């Protein structure tokens, strides 16, 4: 079966910023993404959990998208405009997909 190269972009951000982030993604031409709740973790501020207080919001979310490589620069530019002033992590990795027309 043939696979096609793609980029997986995973963004963890405060849940109050979710709609601003997805709006920025859509402005960059990305319409497919999945939003997952983040239950806890550890970072610069130490260990935290959803029950603890995180910033102004009620927790964190992870927004995951798989895109064509040529869309990456526009997406990162738009995402950075949201993430740069807030708690957030952006990770980009290479992946392969089966149905390239979906991305």
N, C-alpha and C. Protein backbone atom coordinates (compact mmCIF):
# COMPACT_ATOMS: atom_id res chain seq x y z
N UNK A 1 0.84 -1.18 0.00
CA UNK A 1 0.00 0.00 0.00
C UNK A 1 0.89 1.25 0.00
N UNK A 2 0.55 2.22 -0.80
CA UNK A 2 1.36 3.43 -0.92
C UNK A 2 1.02 4.42 0.19
N UNK A 3 2.08 5.00 0.78
CA UNK A 3 1.88 6.06 1.77
C UNK A 3 2.41 7.37 1.22
N UNK A 4 1.99 8.48 1.84
CA UNK A 4 2.36 9.81 1.39
C UNK A 4 2.89 10.60 2.58
N UNK A 5 3.94 11.37 2.36
CA UNK A 5 4.55 12.14 3.43
C UNK A 5 3.62 13.26 3.88
N UNK A 6 3.59 13.48 5.20
CA UNK A 6 2.78 14.53 5.79
C UNK A 6 3.49 15.04 7.04
N UNK A 7 2.93 16.07 7.65
CA UNK A 7 3.44 16.62 8.90
C UNK A 7 2.34 16.51 9.96
N UNK A 8 2.74 16.07 11.14
CA UNK A 8 1.82 16.01 12.28
C UNK A 8 2.19 17.16 13.20
N UNK A 9 1.23 18.03 13.46
CA UNK A 9 1.44 19.19 14.32
C UNK A 9 0.57 19.00 15.56
N UNK A 10 1.21 18.98 16.72
CA UNK A 10 0.49 18.83 17.99
C UNK A 10 0.75 20.08 18.82
N UNK A 11 -0.33 20.72 19.26
CA UNK A 11 -0.23 21.97 20.01
C UNK A 11 -0.95 21.78 21.35
N UNK A 12 -0.24 22.01 22.44
CA UNK A 12 -0.85 21.99 23.76
C UNK A 12 -0.97 23.43 24.20
N UNK A 13 -2.19 23.81 24.60
CA UNK A 13 -2.45 25.21 24.94
C UNK A 13 -3.56 25.27 25.99
N UNK A 14 -3.65 26.38 26.69
CA UNK A 14 -4.73 26.57 27.65
C UNK A 14 -6.07 26.45 26.95
N UNK A 15 -7.01 25.79 27.58
CA UNK A 15 -8.30 25.54 26.93
C UNK A 15 -9.04 26.83 26.58
N UNK A 16 -8.80 27.91 27.33
CA UNK A 16 -9.48 29.17 27.01
C UNK A 16 -9.01 29.74 25.66
N UNK A 17 -7.87 29.26 25.16
CA UNK A 17 -7.32 29.74 23.89
C UNK A 17 -7.70 28.83 22.72
N UNK A 18 -8.46 27.79 22.99
CA UNK A 18 -8.77 26.79 21.96
C UNK A 18 -9.41 27.39 20.71
N UNK A 19 -10.41 28.19 20.87
CA UNK A 19 -11.10 28.72 19.68
C UNK A 19 -10.21 29.71 18.92
N UNK A 20 -9.41 30.48 19.62
CA UNK A 20 -8.49 31.39 18.93
C UNK A 20 -7.47 30.59 18.13
N UNK A 21 -7.00 29.49 18.71
CA UNK A 21 -6.03 28.63 18.01
C UNK A 21 -6.66 27.99 16.78
N UNK A 22 -7.83 27.41 16.92
CA UNK A 22 -8.46 26.75 15.76
C UNK A 22 -8.85 27.76 14.69
N UNK A 23 -9.21 28.97 15.08
CA UNK A 23 -9.47 30.02 14.09
C UNK A 23 -8.19 30.33 13.30
N UNK A 24 -7.06 30.43 14.01
CA UNK A 24 -5.77 30.71 13.35
C UNK A 24 -5.39 29.57 12.42
N UNK A 25 -5.68 28.34 12.82
CA UNK A 25 -5.39 27.19 11.97
C UNK A 25 -6.23 27.23 10.70
N UNK A 26 -7.51 27.56 10.84
CA UNK A 26 -8.39 27.63 9.68
C UNK A 26 -7.98 28.76 8.75
N UNK A 27 -7.50 29.88 9.30
CA UNK A 27 -7.01 30.98 8.46
C UNK A 27 -5.80 30.55 7.63
N UNK A 28 -5.06 29.57 8.14
CA UNK A 28 -3.89 29.06 7.41
C UNK A 28 -4.29 27.96 6.43
N UNK A 29 -5.58 27.67 6.32
CA UNK A 29 -6.05 26.66 5.36
C UNK A 29 -6.17 25.27 5.93
N UNK A 30 -6.01 25.12 7.24
CA UNK A 30 -6.11 23.81 7.88
C UNK A 30 -7.53 23.64 8.42
N UNK A 31 -8.24 22.67 7.90
CA UNK A 31 -9.62 22.47 8.34
C UNK A 31 -9.81 21.18 9.13
N UNK A 32 -8.80 20.32 9.14
CA UNK A 32 -8.92 19.07 9.86
C UNK A 32 -8.04 19.05 11.09
N UNK A 33 -8.63 18.80 12.24
CA UNK A 33 -7.87 18.71 13.48
C UNK A 33 -8.69 17.94 14.50
N UNK A 34 -8.01 17.48 15.53
CA UNK A 34 -8.65 16.78 16.64
C UNK A 34 -8.26 17.48 17.92
N UNK A 35 -9.22 17.66 18.82
CA UNK A 35 -8.97 18.32 20.10
C UNK A 35 -9.13 17.29 21.21
N UNK A 36 -8.08 17.19 22.04
CA UNK A 36 -8.06 16.22 23.13
C UNK A 36 -7.85 16.95 24.45
N UNK A 37 -8.52 16.50 25.53
CA UNK A 37 -8.24 17.10 26.84
C UNK A 37 -6.87 16.62 27.34
N UNK A 38 -6.16 17.49 28.02
CA UNK A 38 -4.89 17.13 28.63
C UNK A 38 -5.15 16.96 30.12
N UNK A 39 -4.83 15.80 30.66
CA UNK A 39 -5.14 15.47 32.05
C UNK A 39 -4.09 15.98 33.04
N UNK A 40 -2.87 16.14 32.59
CA UNK A 40 -1.82 16.60 33.47
C UNK A 40 -0.49 16.48 32.77
N UNK A 41 0.57 16.85 33.51
CA UNK A 41 1.90 16.76 32.94
C UNK A 41 2.92 17.41 33.83
N UNK A 42 4.07 17.69 33.24
CA UNK A 42 5.14 18.35 33.95
C UNK A 42 5.87 19.25 32.98
N UNK A 43 6.24 20.42 33.44
CA UNK A 43 6.94 21.37 32.58
C UNK A 43 7.79 22.31 33.41
N UNK A 44 8.06 23.50 32.86
CA UNK A 44 8.90 24.49 33.56
C UNK A 44 8.38 24.82 34.95
N UNK A 45 7.07 24.80 35.12
CA UNK A 45 6.47 25.15 36.41
C UNK A 45 6.31 23.96 37.33
N UNK A 46 6.76 22.79 36.90
CA UNK A 46 6.64 21.59 37.72
C UNK A 46 5.47 20.73 37.30
N UNK A 47 5.13 19.77 38.16
CA UNK A 47 4.05 18.83 37.89
C UNK A 47 2.70 19.52 38.12
N UNK A 48 1.75 19.24 37.24
CA UNK A 48 0.41 19.80 37.39
C UNK A 48 -0.61 18.75 36.96
N UNK A 49 -1.84 18.98 37.36
CA UNK A 49 -2.93 18.10 36.92
C UNK A 49 -4.15 18.95 36.63
N UNK A 50 -5.12 18.35 35.99
CA UNK A 50 -6.35 19.05 35.63
C UNK A 50 -7.06 19.59 36.86
N UNK A 51 -6.90 18.90 37.99
CA UNK A 51 -7.55 19.36 39.22
C UNK A 51 -6.89 20.62 39.78
N UNK A 52 -5.59 20.82 39.43
CA UNK A 52 -4.88 22.00 39.90
C UNK A 52 -5.26 23.22 39.09
N UNK A 53 -4.77 24.36 39.49
CA UNK A 53 -5.09 25.58 38.78
C UNK A 53 -4.04 25.85 37.72
N UNK A 54 -4.46 26.10 36.51
CA UNK A 54 -3.56 26.38 35.40
C UNK A 54 -3.98 27.69 34.77
N UNK A 55 -3.18 28.68 34.93
CA UNK A 55 -3.47 29.97 34.29
C UNK A 55 -4.88 30.45 34.60
N UNK A 56 -5.53 31.01 33.61
CA UNK A 56 -6.88 31.53 33.78
C UNK A 56 -7.93 30.49 33.45
N UNK A 57 -7.54 29.39 32.85
CA UNK A 57 -8.52 28.45 32.33
C UNK A 57 -8.78 27.27 33.22
N UNK A 58 -9.59 26.40 32.69
CA UNK A 58 -9.97 25.20 33.43
C UNK A 58 -9.14 24.01 33.00
N UNK A 59 -8.02 24.24 32.35
CA UNK A 59 -7.17 23.14 31.93
C UNK A 59 -6.49 23.42 30.61
N UNK A 60 -5.97 22.35 30.06
CA UNK A 60 -5.23 22.43 28.82
C UNK A 60 -5.88 21.49 27.80
N UNK A 61 -5.65 21.78 26.53
CA UNK A 61 -6.09 20.90 25.45
C UNK A 61 -4.92 20.67 24.52
N UNK A 62 -4.99 19.56 23.78
CA UNK A 62 -4.03 19.31 22.72
C UNK A 62 -4.81 19.31 21.41
N UNK A 63 -4.36 20.11 20.47
CA UNK A 63 -4.96 20.17 19.15
C UNK A 63 -3.96 19.52 18.19
N UNK A 64 -4.41 18.46 17.52
CA UNK A 64 -3.54 17.69 16.64
C UNK A 64 -4.07 17.79 15.21
N UNK A 65 -3.16 18.04 14.28
CA UNK A 65 -3.53 18.11 12.88
C UNK A 65 -2.46 17.42 12.04
N UNK A 66 -2.89 16.77 10.98
CA UNK A 66 -1.99 16.18 10.00
C UNK A 66 -2.21 16.95 8.71
N UNK A 67 -1.12 17.49 8.16
CA UNK A 67 -1.23 18.38 7.00
C UNK A 67 -0.20 18.02 5.94
N UNK A 68 -0.40 18.56 4.76
CA UNK A 68 0.60 18.43 3.70
C UNK A 68 1.81 19.29 4.08
N UNK A 69 3.00 18.83 3.77
CA UNK A 69 4.22 19.58 4.14
C UNK A 69 4.22 21.03 3.65
N UNK A 70 3.66 21.30 2.50
CA UNK A 70 3.70 22.67 1.96
C UNK A 70 2.82 23.64 2.75
N UNK A 71 1.95 23.15 3.62
CA UNK A 71 1.10 24.02 4.44
C UNK A 71 1.73 24.36 5.79
N UNK A 72 2.85 23.73 6.10
CA UNK A 72 3.44 23.86 7.44
C UNK A 72 3.83 25.28 7.79
N UNK A 73 4.54 25.99 6.92
CA UNK A 73 5.01 27.34 7.26
C UNK A 73 3.86 28.29 7.58
N UNK A 74 2.82 28.28 6.77
CA UNK A 74 1.67 29.17 7.03
C UNK A 74 1.00 28.80 8.34
N UNK A 75 0.88 27.51 8.61
CA UNK A 75 0.26 27.07 9.86
C UNK A 75 1.08 27.52 11.06
N UNK A 76 2.38 27.29 11.03
CA UNK A 76 3.22 27.66 12.17
C UNK A 76 3.23 29.17 12.41
N UNK A 77 3.21 29.94 11.35
CA UNK A 77 3.16 31.40 11.50
C UNK A 77 1.88 31.82 12.22
N UNK A 78 0.75 31.28 11.82
CA UNK A 78 -0.52 31.62 12.45
C UNK A 78 -0.59 31.10 13.88
N UNK A 79 -0.13 29.89 14.10
CA UNK A 79 -0.16 29.28 15.44
C UNK A 79 0.74 30.07 16.39
N UNK A 80 1.91 30.48 15.93
CA UNK A 80 2.83 31.22 16.79
C UNK A 80 2.21 32.53 17.26
N UNK A 81 1.41 33.16 16.42
CA UNK A 81 0.77 34.42 16.83
C UNK A 81 -0.17 34.22 18.02
N UNK A 82 -0.66 33.01 18.21
CA UNK A 82 -1.53 32.69 19.36
C UNK A 82 -0.70 32.20 20.54
N UNK A 83 0.23 31.31 20.28
CA UNK A 83 0.97 30.64 21.35
C UNK A 83 2.02 31.54 22.01
N UNK A 84 2.58 32.50 21.28
CA UNK A 84 3.71 33.26 21.80
C UNK A 84 3.41 34.00 23.10
N UNK A 85 2.18 34.36 23.36
CA UNK A 85 1.83 35.12 24.56
C UNK A 85 1.14 34.27 25.63
N UNK A 86 1.09 32.96 25.44
CA UNK A 86 0.37 32.09 26.35
C UNK A 86 1.16 30.83 26.63
N UNK A 87 0.72 30.09 27.63
CA UNK A 87 1.31 28.79 27.89
C UNK A 87 1.03 27.92 26.69
N UNK A 88 2.04 27.26 26.14
CA UNK A 88 1.79 26.41 25.00
C UNK A 88 3.04 25.73 24.49
N UNK A 89 2.85 24.58 23.88
CA UNK A 89 3.92 23.81 23.28
C UNK A 89 3.47 23.42 21.87
N UNK A 90 4.37 23.59 20.91
CA UNK A 90 4.09 23.19 19.53
C UNK A 90 5.14 22.16 19.12
N UNK A 91 4.68 21.00 18.68
CA UNK A 91 5.59 19.95 18.23
C UNK A 91 5.23 19.56 16.81
N UNK A 92 6.25 19.42 15.97
CA UNK A 92 6.05 19.04 14.58
C UNK A 92 6.85 17.76 14.33
N UNK A 93 6.21 16.80 13.69
CA UNK A 93 6.91 15.56 13.36
C UNK A 93 6.51 15.09 11.96
N UNK A 94 7.38 14.31 11.36
CA UNK A 94 7.09 13.71 10.07
C UNK A 94 6.18 12.51 10.29
N UNK A 95 5.26 12.29 9.36
CA UNK A 95 4.42 11.10 9.40
C UNK A 95 4.06 10.73 7.96
N UNK A 96 3.38 9.62 7.83
CA UNK A 96 2.91 9.18 6.52
C UNK A 96 1.43 8.85 6.64
N UNK A 97 0.71 9.13 5.57
CA UNK A 97 -0.74 8.87 5.54
C UNK A 97 -1.08 7.98 4.34
N UNK A 98 -2.20 7.33 4.45
CA UNK A 98 -2.64 6.46 3.36
C UNK A 98 -3.43 7.21 2.31
N UNK A 99 -4.28 8.14 2.72
CA UNK A 99 -5.16 8.82 1.78
C UNK A 99 -4.77 10.31 1.71
N UNK A 100 -3.82 10.63 0.87
CA UNK A 100 -3.27 11.99 0.78
C UNK A 100 -4.34 13.03 0.44
N UNK A 101 -5.36 12.63 -0.29
CA UNK A 101 -6.39 13.61 -0.69
C UNK A 101 -7.16 14.18 0.51
N UNK A 102 -7.08 13.54 1.66
CA UNK A 102 -7.77 14.01 2.86
C UNK A 102 -7.03 15.14 3.56
N UNK A 103 -5.79 15.42 3.14
CA UNK A 103 -4.97 16.37 3.85
C UNK A 103 -4.54 17.50 2.95
